[in-house]
């Protein structure tokens, strides 16, 4: 999520870029790791970031361990790393929140 303003940003709600849940396993497959959280970048001369959630997704459950022949299904990443795969998948890592205080953000997007 990228929000840019020439005046200000005042987030009075929620910005959500969370990772997805890992797939549940089977007797043949390992549980999938959760997806990594996303990226939120705010650019303006004045920023009130409010509530931002970039948490990683939860890992799956009830899988076969990789050591006993389960096929790994790691989670995908974005701002955070994807979770590992095993009998119980690991959650994905938290994403990134970036705030850039800049007098004229348009100059960052147009030549």
Protein backbone atom coordinates (compact mmCIF):
# COMPACT_ATOMS: atom_id res chain seq x y z
CA UNK A 1 0.00 0.00 0.00
CA UNK A 2 1.43 3.38 -0.97
CA UNK A 3 -0.25 6.59 0.14
CA UNK A 4 1.24 9.93 -0.86
CA UNK A 5 -0.08 13.45 -0.32
CA UNK A 6 1.17 16.98 -0.98
CA UNK A 7 -0.49 18.16 2.25
CA UNK A 8 -0.85 15.45 4.91
CA UNK A 9 -1.94 11.90 5.66
CA UNK A 10 -4.27 11.29 8.62
CA UNK A 11 -5.25 7.63 8.86
CA UNK A 12 -8.44 7.48 10.95
CA UNK A 13 -9.12 3.85 10.04
CA UNK A 14 -7.08 0.69 9.49
CA UNK A 15 -4.51 -0.09 6.81
CA UNK A 16 -4.21 -3.87 6.54
CA UNK A 17 -1.59 -5.76 4.52
CA UNK A 18 -1.37 -9.07 6.39
CA UNK A 19 0.06 -12.35 5.12
CA UNK A 20 -2.23 -15.22 4.21
CA UNK A 21 -2.68 -18.36 6.27
CA UNK A 22 -0.62 -21.45 5.45
CA UNK A 23 -2.45 -24.46 4.07
CA UNK A 24 -3.35 -27.25 6.48
CA UNK A 25 -1.40 -30.46 5.94
CA UNK A 26 -2.45 -34.04 5.21
CA UNK A 27 -1.00 -37.48 5.86
CA UNK A 28 1.21 -36.92 2.80
CA UNK A 29 1.92 -33.18 2.85
CA UNK A 30 3.50 -30.91 5.43
CA UNK A 31 1.52 -27.97 6.77
CA UNK A 32 2.26 -24.76 4.88
CA UNK A 33 4.00 -21.77 6.37
CA UNK A 34 2.10 -18.53 6.72
CA UNK A 35 2.65 -15.76 4.21
CA UNK A 36 4.82 -12.78 5.08
CA UNK A 37 3.15 -9.47 5.93
CA UNK A 38 3.01 -6.75 3.33
CA UNK A 39 4.49 -3.28 2.93
CA UNK A 40 2.85 0.05 3.76
CA UNK A 41 4.62 3.26 2.65
CA UNK A 42 3.29 6.68 3.63
CA UNK A 43 4.78 9.84 2.03
CA UNK A 44 3.75 13.39 2.95
CA UNK A 45 4.93 16.55 4.71
CA UNK A 46 2.83 15.55 7.76
CA UNK A 47 1.83 11.97 8.68
CA UNK A 48 -0.49 10.55 11.34
CA UNK A 49 -0.16 6.84 10.55
CA UNK A 50 -3.04 5.59 12.71
CA UNK A 51 -3.53 1.82 12.87
CA UNK A 52 -1.47 -0.28 10.47
CA UNK A 53 -1.36 -4.10 10.47
CA UNK A 54 1.37 -5.89 8.50
CA UNK A 55 1.43 -9.11 10.56
CA UNK A 56 2.48 -12.40 9.01
CA UNK A 57 -0.16 -15.04 8.40
CA UNK A 58 -0.57 -18.07 10.67
CA UNK A 59 0.97 -21.41 9.72
CA UNK A 60 -1.11 -24.42 8.77
CA UNK A 61 -1.71 -27.41 11.05
CA UNK A 62 -1.96 -31.22 11.00
CA UNK A 63 0.72 -32.01 8.46
CA UNK A 64 3.35 -34.69 8.07
CA UNK A 65 6.83 -33.63 9.15
CA UNK A 66 9.37 -33.00 6.41
CA UNK A 67 11.78 -35.43 8.15
CA UNK A 68 9.25 -38.26 7.78
CA UNK A 69 8.70 -37.67 4.07
CA UNK A 70 6.29 -34.75 3.99
CA UNK A 71 6.70 -32.37 1.06
CA UNK A 72 7.53 -28.82 2.21
CA UNK A 73 5.11 -26.00 1.44
CA UNK A 74 6.79 -22.79 2.67
CA UNK A 75 4.82 -19.56 2.83
CA UNK A 76 5.38 -16.77 0.34
CA UNK A 77 7.06 -13.54 1.36
CA UNK A 78 6.54 -9.85 0.75
CA UNK A 79 7.65 -7.31 3.35
CA UNK A 80 8.16 -10.20 5.78
CA UNK A 81 9.52 -13.68 5.18
CA UNK A 82 7.24 -16.64 4.56
CA UNK A 83 6.91 -19.23 7.33
CA UNK A 84 8.60 -22.62 7.27
CA UNK A 85 6.76 -25.83 6.49
CA UNK A 86 6.59 -28.91 8.73
CA UNK A 87 4.02 -30.89 10.71
CA UNK A 88 2.83 -27.50 11.95
CA UNK A 89 3.65 -24.59 9.67
CA UNK A 90 5.40 -21.55 11.12
CA UNK A 91 3.77 -18.13 10.92
CA UNK A 92 5.02 -15.66 8.35
CA UNK A 93 7.19 -12.74 9.41
CA UNK A 94 5.88 -9.23 9.99
CA UNK A 95 5.96 -6.84 7.06
CA UNK A 96 7.32 -3.30 6.84
CA UNK A 97 5.84 0.10 7.61
CA UNK A 98 7.76 3.01 6.08
CA UNK A 99 6.98 6.66 6.68
CA UNK A 100 8.75 9.28 4.61
CA UNK A 101 8.41 12.92 5.58
CA UNK A 102 8.99 14.86 2.38
CA UNK A 103 7.94 18.38 1.34
CA UNK A 104 6.94 17.39 -2.21
CA UNK A 105 6.23 13.65 -2.69
CA UNK A 106 5.15 14.12 -6.33
CA UNK A 107 8.79 14.62 -7.28
CA UNK A 108 9.45 11.03 -6.18
CA UNK A 109 6.94 9.67 -8.74
CA UNK A 110 7.21 11.96 -11.78
CA UNK A 111 10.37 13.12 -13.55
